[in-house]
Amino acid sequence: MSLRKPTTLFFSAGEPSGDLHGANLIKQLRASCPTLEAVGYGGPQMAAAGCGL
């Protein structure tokens, strides 16, 4: 049993290229930290990557 809390990061993207880069970053971070909780403001690509908008 792990007592470690998940890591939460806030992301913000206000235009399509930021949405794309944010989504790619979230995917890469989750590959090395599966418990990552991503939240923030973004578009459909960040939402598809699992960011809670």
PDB file of N, CA and C in Angstrom:
ATOM      1  N   MET A   1       0.846  -1.184   0.000  1.00  0.00           N
ATOM      2  CA  MET A   1       0.000   0.000   0.000  1.00  0.00           C
ATOM      3  C   MET A   1       0.886   1.240   0.000  1.00  0.00           C
ATOM      4  N   SER A   2       0.605   2.140  -0.903  1.00  0.00           N
ATOM      5  CA  SER A   2       1.386   3.368  -1.009  1.00  0.00           C
ATOM      6  C   SER A   2       0.650   4.520  -0.329  1.00  0.00           C
ATOM      7  N   LEU A   3       1.375   5.252   0.484  1.00  0.00           N
ATOM      8  CA  LEU A   3       0.788   6.421   1.146  1.00  0.00           C
ATOM      9  C   LEU A   3       1.081   7.703   0.375  1.00  0.00           C
ATOM     10  N   ARG A   4       1.765   7.568  -0.730  1.00  0.00           N
ATOM     11  CA  ARG A   4       2.145   8.724  -1.525  1.00  0.00           C
ATOM     12  C   ARG A   4       0.939   9.291  -2.272  1.00  0.00           C
ATOM     13  N   LYS A   5       0.770  10.588  -2.182  1.00  0.00           N
ATOM     14  CA  LYS A   5      -0.333  11.252  -2.889  1.00  0.00           C
ATOM     15  C   LYS A   5       0.029  11.396  -4.366  1.00  0.00           C
ATOM     16  N   PRO A   6      -0.973  11.357  -5.251  1.00  0.00           N
ATOM     17  CA  PRO A   6      -0.680  11.571  -6.670  1.00  0.00           C
ATOM     18  C   PRO A   6      -0.198  13.002  -6.914  1.00  0.00           C
ATOM     19  N   THR A   7       0.612  13.154  -7.930  1.00  0.00           N
ATOM     20  CA  THR A   7       1.108  14.467  -8.325  1.00  0.00           C
ATOM     21  C   THR A   7       0.045  15.161  -9.166  1.00  0.00           C
ATOM     22  N   THR A   8      -0.281  16.403  -8.831  1.00  0.00           N
ATOM     23  CA  THR A   8      -1.252  17.186  -9.589  1.00  0.00           C
ATOM     24  C   THR A   8      -0.540  18.353 -10.255  1.00  0.00           C
ATOM     25  N   LEU A   9      -0.729  18.489 -11.569  1.00  0.00           N
ATOM     26  CA  LEU A   9      -0.155  19.607 -12.319  1.00  0.00           C
ATOM     27  C   LEU A   9      -1.271  20.372 -13.017  1.00  0.00           C
ATOM     28  N   PHE A  10      -1.114  21.696 -13.067  1.00  0.00           N
ATOM     29  CA  PHE A  10      -2.070  22.568 -13.745  1.00  0.00           C
ATOM     30  C   PHE A  10      -1.493  22.950 -15.103  1.00  0.00           C
ATOM     31  N   PHE A  11      -2.301  22.824 -16.150  1.00  0.00           N
ATOM     32  CA  PHE A  11      -1.906  23.181 -17.510  1.00  0.00           C
ATOM     33  C   PHE A  11      -2.851  24.256 -18.028  1.00  0.00           C
ATOM     34  N   SER A  12      -2.323  25.156 -18.851  1.00  0.00           N
ATOM     35  CA  SER A  12      -3.142  26.207 -19.442  1.00  0.00           C
ATOM     36  C   SER A  12      -2.749  26.397 -20.903  1.00  0.00           C
ATOM     37  N   ALA A  13      -3.723  26.281 -21.804  1.00  0.00           N
ATOM     38  CA  ALA A  13      -3.490  26.491 -23.229  1.00  0.00           C
ATOM     39  C   ALA A  13      -4.665  27.286 -23.782  1.00  0.00           C
ATOM     40  N   GLY A  14      -4.361  28.390 -24.450  1.00  0.00           N
ATOM     41  CA  GLY A  14      -5.411  29.257 -24.955  1.00  0.00           C
ATOM     42  C   GLY A  14      -5.581  29.247 -26.457  1.00  0.00           C
ATOM     43  N   GLU A  15      -4.815  28.408 -27.153  1.00  0.00           N
ATOM     44  CA  GLU A  15      -4.960  28.338 -28.602  1.00  0.00           C
ATOM     45  C   GLU A  15      -4.586  26.933 -29.074  1.00  0.00           C
ATOM     46  N   PRO A  16      -4.899  26.573 -30.324  1.00  0.00           N
ATOM     47  CA  PRO A  16      -4.747  25.188 -30.783  1.00  0.00           C
ATOM     48  C   PRO A  16      -3.342  24.594 -30.662  1.00  0.00           C
ATOM     49  N   SER A  17      -2.297  25.364 -30.949  1.00  0.00           N
ATOM     50  CA  SER A  17      -0.959  24.767 -30.850  1.00  0.00           C
ATOM     51  C   SER A  17      -0.591  24.489 -29.397  1.00  0.00           C
ATOM     52  N   GLY A  18      -1.032  25.329 -28.487  1.00  0.00           N
ATOM     53  CA  GLY A  18      -0.806  25.079 -27.063  1.00  0.00           C
ATOM     54  C   GLY A  18      -1.568  23.849 -26.595  1.00  0.00           C
ATOM     55  N   ASP A  19      -2.762  23.655 -27.134  1.00  0.00           N
ATOM     56  CA  ASP A  19      -3.565  22.475 -26.827  1.00  0.00           C
ATOM     57  C   ASP A  19      -2.821  21.214 -27.270  1.00  0.00           C
ATOM     58  N   LEU A  20      -2.252  21.250 -28.467  1.00  0.00           N
ATOM     59  CA  LEU A  20      -1.494  20.112 -28.997  1.00  0.00           C
ATOM     60  C   LEU A  20      -0.258  19.830 -28.149  1.00  0.00           C
ATOM     61  N   HIS A  21       0.527  20.866 -27.855  1.00  0.00           N
ATOM     62  CA  HIS A  21       1.748  20.680 -27.060  1.00  0.00           C
ATOM     63  C   HIS A  21       1.408  20.228 -25.643  1.00  0.00           C
ATOM     64  N   GLY A  22       0.369  20.788 -25.070  1.00  0.00           N
ATOM     65  CA  GLY A  22      -0.054  20.376 -23.732  1.00  0.00           C
ATOM     66  C   GLY A  22      -0.471  18.909 -23.701  1.00  0.00           C
ATOM     67  N   ALA A  23      -1.215  18.483 -24.707  1.00  0.00           N
ATOM     68  CA  ALA A  23      -1.652  17.083 -24.786  1.00  0.00           C
ATOM     69  C   ALA A  23      -0.458  16.146 -24.895  1.00  0.00           C
ATOM     70  N   ASN A  24       0.505  16.506 -25.739  1.00  0.00           N
ATOM     71  CA  ASN A  24       1.702  15.672 -25.890  1.00  0.00           C
ATOM     72  C   ASN A  24       2.500  15.615 -24.596  1.00  0.00           C
ATOM     73  N   LEU A  25       2.612  16.737 -23.911  1.00  0.00           N
ATOM     74  CA  LEU A  25       3.340  16.771 -22.643  1.00  0.00           C
ATOM     75  C   LEU A  25       2.647  15.898 -21.595  1.00  0.00           C
ATOM     76  N   ILE A  26       1.338  15.991 -21.507  1.00  0.00           N
ATOM     77  CA  ILE A  26       0.588  15.177 -20.546  1.00  0.00           C
ATOM     78  C   ILE A  26       0.806  13.693 -20.822  1.00  0.00           C
ATOM     79  N   LYS A  27       0.748  13.297 -22.085  1.00  0.00           N
ATOM     80  CA  LYS A  27       0.957  11.885 -22.439  1.00  0.00           C
ATOM     81  C   LYS A  27       2.350  11.419 -22.030  1.00  0.00           C
ATOM     82  N   GLN A  28       3.369  12.235 -22.295  1.00  0.00           N
ATOM     83  CA  GLN A  28       4.741  11.857 -21.948  1.00  0.00           C
ATOM     84  C   GLN A  28       4.941  11.801 -20.437  1.00  0.00           C
ATOM     85  N   LEU A  29       4.382  12.752 -19.723  1.00  0.00           N
ATOM     86  CA  LEU A  29       4.511  12.749 -18.265  1.00  0.00           C
ATOM     87  C   LEU A  29       3.810  11.537 -17.654  1.00  0.00           C
ATOM     88  N   ARG A  30       2.665  11.178 -18.195  1.00  0.00           N
ATOM     89  CA  ARG A  30       1.939  10.006 -17.676  1.00  0.00           C
ATOM     90  C   ARG A  30       2.698   8.712 -17.942  1.00  0.00           C
ATOM     91  N   ALA A  31       3.508   8.688 -19.000  1.00  0.00           N
ATOM     92  CA  ALA A  31       4.294   7.487 -19.288  1.00  0.00           C
ATOM     93  C   ALA A  31       5.293   7.214 -18.164  1.00  0.00           C
ATOM     94  N   SER A  32       5.828   8.273 -17.554  1.00  0.00           N
ATOM     95  CA  SER A  32       6.794   8.087 -16.468  1.00  0.00           C
ATOM     96  C   SER A  32       6.179   8.261 -15.089  1.00  0.00           C
ATOM     97  N   CYS A  33       4.976   8.821 -15.016  1.00  0.00           N
ATOM     98  CA  CYS A  33       4.301   9.017 -13.725  1.00  0.00           C
ATOM     99  C   CYS A  33       2.809   8.704 -13.914  1.00  0.00           C
ATOM    100  N   PRO A  34       2.449   7.417 -13.892  1.00  0.00           N
ATOM    101  CA  PRO A  34       1.062   7.023 -14.179  1.00  0.00           C
ATOM    102  C   PRO A  34       0.015   7.614 -13.233  1.00  0.00           C
ATOM    103  N   THR A  35       0.423   8.032 -12.042  1.00  0.00           N
ATOM    104  CA  THR A  35      -0.545   8.590 -11.091  1.00  0.00           C
ATOM    105  C   THR A  35      -0.734  10.096 -11.262  1.00  0.00           C
ATOM    106  N   LEU A  36      -0.124  10.672 -12.287  1.00  0.00           N
ATOM    107  CA  LEU A  36      -0.240  12.110 -12.530  1.00  0.00           C
ATOM    108  C   LEU A  36      -1.701  12.512 -12.698  1.00  0.00           C
ATOM    109  N   GLU A  37      -2.088  13.576 -12.015  1.00  0.00           N
ATOM    110  CA  GLU A  37      -3.413  14.168 -12.190  1.00  0.00           C
ATOM    111  C   GLU A  37      -3.210  15.493 -12.910  1.00  0.00           C
ATOM    112  N   ALA A  38      -3.724  15.592 -14.137  1.00  0.00           N
ATOM    113  CA  ALA A  38      -3.598  16.802 -14.937  1.00  0.00           C
ATOM    114  C   ALA A  38      -4.924  17.553 -14.906  1.00  0.00           C
ATOM    115  N   VAL A  39      -4.872  18.830 -14.570  1.00  0.00           N
ATOM    116  CA  VAL A  39      -6.057  19.683 -14.543  1.00  0.00           C
ATOM    117  C   VAL A  39      -5.707  21.003 -15.212  1.00  0.00           C
ATOM    118  N   GLY A  40      -6.718  21.743 -15.656  1.00  0.00           N
ATOM    119  CA  GLY A  40      -6.431  23.058 -16.205  1.00  0.00           C
ATOM    120  C   GLY A  40      -7.424  23.522 -17.246  1.00  0.00           C
ATOM    121  N   TYR A  41      -6.944  24.447 -18.080  1.00  0.00           N
ATOM    122  CA  TYR A  41      -7.717  25.029 -19.169  1.00  0.00           C
ATOM    123  C   TYR A  41      -7.067  24.620 -20.474  1.00  0.00           C
ATOM    124  N   GLY A  42      -7.855  24.146 -21.429  1.00  0.00           N
ATOM    125  CA  GLY A  42      -7.304  23.731 -22.706  1.00  0.00           C
ATOM    126  C   GLY A  42      -8.420  23.382 -23.663  1.00  0.00           C
ATOM    127  N   GLY A  43      -8.052  22.626 -24.679  1.00  0.00           N
ATOM    128  CA  GLY A  43      -9.010  22.262 -25.706  1.00  0.00           C
ATOM    129  C   GLY A  43      -9.243  20.766 -25.780  1.00  0.00           C
ATOM    130  N   PRO A  44      -9.800  20.325 -26.900  1.00  0.00           N
ATOM    131  CA  PRO A  44     -10.187  18.923 -27.038  1.00  0.00           C
ATOM    132  C   PRO A  44      -9.019  17.939 -27.002  1.00  0.00           C
ATOM    133  N   GLN A  45      -7.858  18.354 -27.465  1.00  0.00           N
ATOM    134  CA  GLN A  45      -6.719  17.431 -27.452  1.00  0.00           C
ATOM    135  C   GLN A  45      -6.212  17.196 -26.030  1.00  0.00           C
ATOM    136  N   MET A  46      -6.191  18.238 -25.225  1.00  0.00           N
ATOM    137  CA  MET A  46      -5.795  18.065 -23.829  1.00  0.00           C
ATOM    138  C   MET A  46      -6.836  17.232 -23.089  1.00  0.00           C
ATOM    139  N   ALA A  47      -8.100  17.440 -23.385  1.00  0.00           N
ATOM    140  CA  ALA A  47      -9.153  16.636 -22.751  1.00  0.00           C
ATOM    141  C   ALA A  47      -8.984  15.165 -23.121  1.00  0.00           C
ATOM    142  N   ALA A  48      -8.686  14.892 -24.391  1.00  0.00           N
ATOM    143  CA  ALA A  48      -8.494  13.515 -24.843  1.00  0.00           C
ATOM    144  C   ALA A  48      -7.274  12.873 -24.183  1.00  0.00           C
ATOM    145  N   ALA A  49      -6.281  13.689 -23.813  1.00  0.00           N
ATOM    146  CA  ALA A  49      -5.083  13.179 -23.134  1.00  0.00           C
ATOM    147  C   ALA A  49      -5.341  12.939 -21.653  1.00  0.00           C
ATOM    148  N   GLY A  50      -6.527  13.313 -21.176  1.00  0.00           N
ATOM    149  CA  GLY A  50      -6.888  13.046 -19.790  1.00  0.00           C
ATOM    150  C   GLY A  50      -6.804  14.230 -18.862  1.00  0.00           C
ATOM    151  N   CYS A  51      -6.686  15.420 -19.407  1.00  0.00           N
ATOM    152  CA  CYS A  51      -6.642  16.621 -18.571  1.00  0.00           C
ATOM    153  C   CYS A  51      -8.067  16.977 -18.147  1.00  0.00           C
ATOM    154  N   GLY A  52      -8.270  17.141 -16.858  1.00  0.00           N
ATOM    155  CA  GLY A  52      -9.574  17.564 -16.358  1.00  0.00           C
ATOM    156  C   GLY A  52      -9.754  19.051 -16.594  1.00  0.00           C
ATOM    157  N   LEU A  53     -10.629  19.404 -17.513  1.00  0.00           N
ATOM    158  CA  LEU A  53     -10.810  20.811 -17.882  1.00  0.00           C
ATOM    159  C   LEU A  53     -11.961  21.429 -17.119  1.00  0.00           C
TER     160      LEU A  53
END
